[in-house]
Every structure is written in C-alpha cells, then in structure tokens.
Protein backbone atom coordinates (compact mmCIF):
# COMPACT_ATOMS: atom_id res chain seq x y z
CA MET A 1 6.99 4.66 -67.27
CA LEU A 2 5.48 1.18 -67.75
CA SER A 3 2.64 2.11 -65.41
CA THR A 4 1.38 4.60 -68.00
CA LEU A 5 0.84 1.89 -70.64
CA ASP A 6 -2.66 0.72 -71.53
CA ARG A 7 -3.34 -2.61 -69.88
CA HIS A 8 -6.19 -3.24 -72.32
CA GLY A 9 -4.16 -2.58 -75.46
CA SER A 10 -2.47 -5.08 -77.71
CA GLY A 11 0.97 -4.63 -76.16
CA LYS A 12 2.63 -6.78 -73.54
CA LEU A 13 4.42 -4.27 -71.32
CA GLY A 14 1.16 -2.89 -69.97
CA TRP A 15 0.53 -6.32 -68.44
CA VAL A 16 3.60 -6.20 -66.18
CA ASP A 17 2.15 -6.20 -62.66
CA PRO A 18 4.22 -4.06 -60.26
CA TYR A 19 2.72 -5.91 -57.27
CA GLY A 20 2.67 -9.48 -58.56
CA ASP A 21 4.79 -11.64 -60.81
CA THR A 22 4.57 -11.51 -64.62
CA LEU A 23 6.09 -14.12 -66.91
CA PHE A 24 6.90 -13.63 -70.61
CA ASN A 25 7.92 -16.41 -72.98
CA GLU A 26 10.26 -15.68 -75.91
CA GLN A 27 7.41 -14.69 -78.26
CA GLU A 28 5.98 -12.25 -75.73
CA ALA A 29 9.46 -10.89 -75.07
CA GLN A 30 9.84 -10.15 -78.79
CA VAL A 31 6.59 -8.17 -78.84
CA ALA A 32 7.57 -6.32 -75.66
CA ARG A 33 11.01 -5.53 -77.11
CA GLN A 34 9.37 -3.76 -80.03
CA GLU A 35 7.29 -1.74 -77.56
CA VAL A 36 10.43 -0.73 -75.66
CA VAL A 37 12.04 0.54 -78.88
CA THR A 38 9.04 2.82 -79.37
CA LEU A 39 9.18 4.00 -75.75
CA ILE A 40 12.90 4.79 -76.05
CA ARG A 41 12.26 7.02 -79.07
CA GLY A 42 9.76 9.09 -77.11
CA CYS A 43 11.73 9.23 -73.86
CA ASN A 44 13.23 12.55 -72.74
CA ASP A 45 14.49 11.43 -69.32
CA ASP A 46 18.06 10.03 -69.35
CA GLN A 47 17.52 7.70 -66.37
CA GLN A 48 14.32 6.26 -67.82
CA LYS A 49 16.02 5.88 -71.20
CA ALA A 50 18.90 3.97 -69.59
CA ALA A 51 16.43 1.68 -67.80
CA LEU A 52 14.54 1.08 -71.05
CA LEU A 53 17.79 0.24 -72.86
CA ASP A 54 18.61 -2.29 -70.14
CA LEU A 55 15.12 -3.77 -70.45
CA ALA A 56 15.49 -3.95 -74.25
CA GLY A 57 18.69 -5.96 -73.85
CA ILE A 58 17.07 -8.42 -71.45
CA LEU A 59 14.01 -8.80 -73.67
CA GLU A 60 16.25 -9.32 -76.73
CA ALA A 61 18.19 -12.09 -74.96
CA CYS A 62 14.95 -13.82 -73.99
CA ALA A 63 13.47 -13.45 -77.47
CA ALA A 64 16.61 -14.94 -79.03
CA THR A 65 16.58 -18.03 -76.80
CA PRO A 66 13.89 -20.60 -77.65
CA GLY A 67 12.18 -22.03 -74.59
CA SER A 68 13.25 -19.16 -72.36
CA TYR A 69 11.16 -17.03 -70.03
CA LEU A 70 11.54 -13.60 -68.51
CA TRP A 71 10.13 -13.27 -65.03
CA PHE A 72 9.20 -9.83 -63.69
CA MET A 73 9.00 -10.12 -59.92
CA GLY A 74 6.62 -7.64 -58.30
CA ASP A 75 6.52 -6.39 -54.74
C-alpha cells in the first residue's frame, strides 16, 4: 500500500524506500502517523488495515518520545 504513495508529495510515507533504509525522527513520525490515519479510513482490505494499525502504533510511540527515531529497514 505504501508503494502507491506519491514520493514527490508533501507526505512522509511515500519516502519509505523498500530496498534501502529510511529513518524518521519524532517530528516526521508525527506527520506519517497522520497519513496512516487517512490511509486506514480508505482501506478495504482487513490485512492491510491491520498492518496500518500496527504502523500507526509504532509511529505514535516514536512521535511521543523526544529524541527517538524509527528506522525502516529495506531489503
């Protein structure tokens, strides 16, 4: 689902590289969390929705912890 996001838009989730590593700080995690909420609302697939809910929880924990980072590890 994240692969369908516009990499040139203002959001953060489109920048997650499936083949390389991507690092978000707590401010970026907050922006990405808001994007996930929007994606969840438009999701019709139960498995994708569950994955997005998990991602929202991880992003929320990062956003709530000053000085923290979330590291997406690609291939």
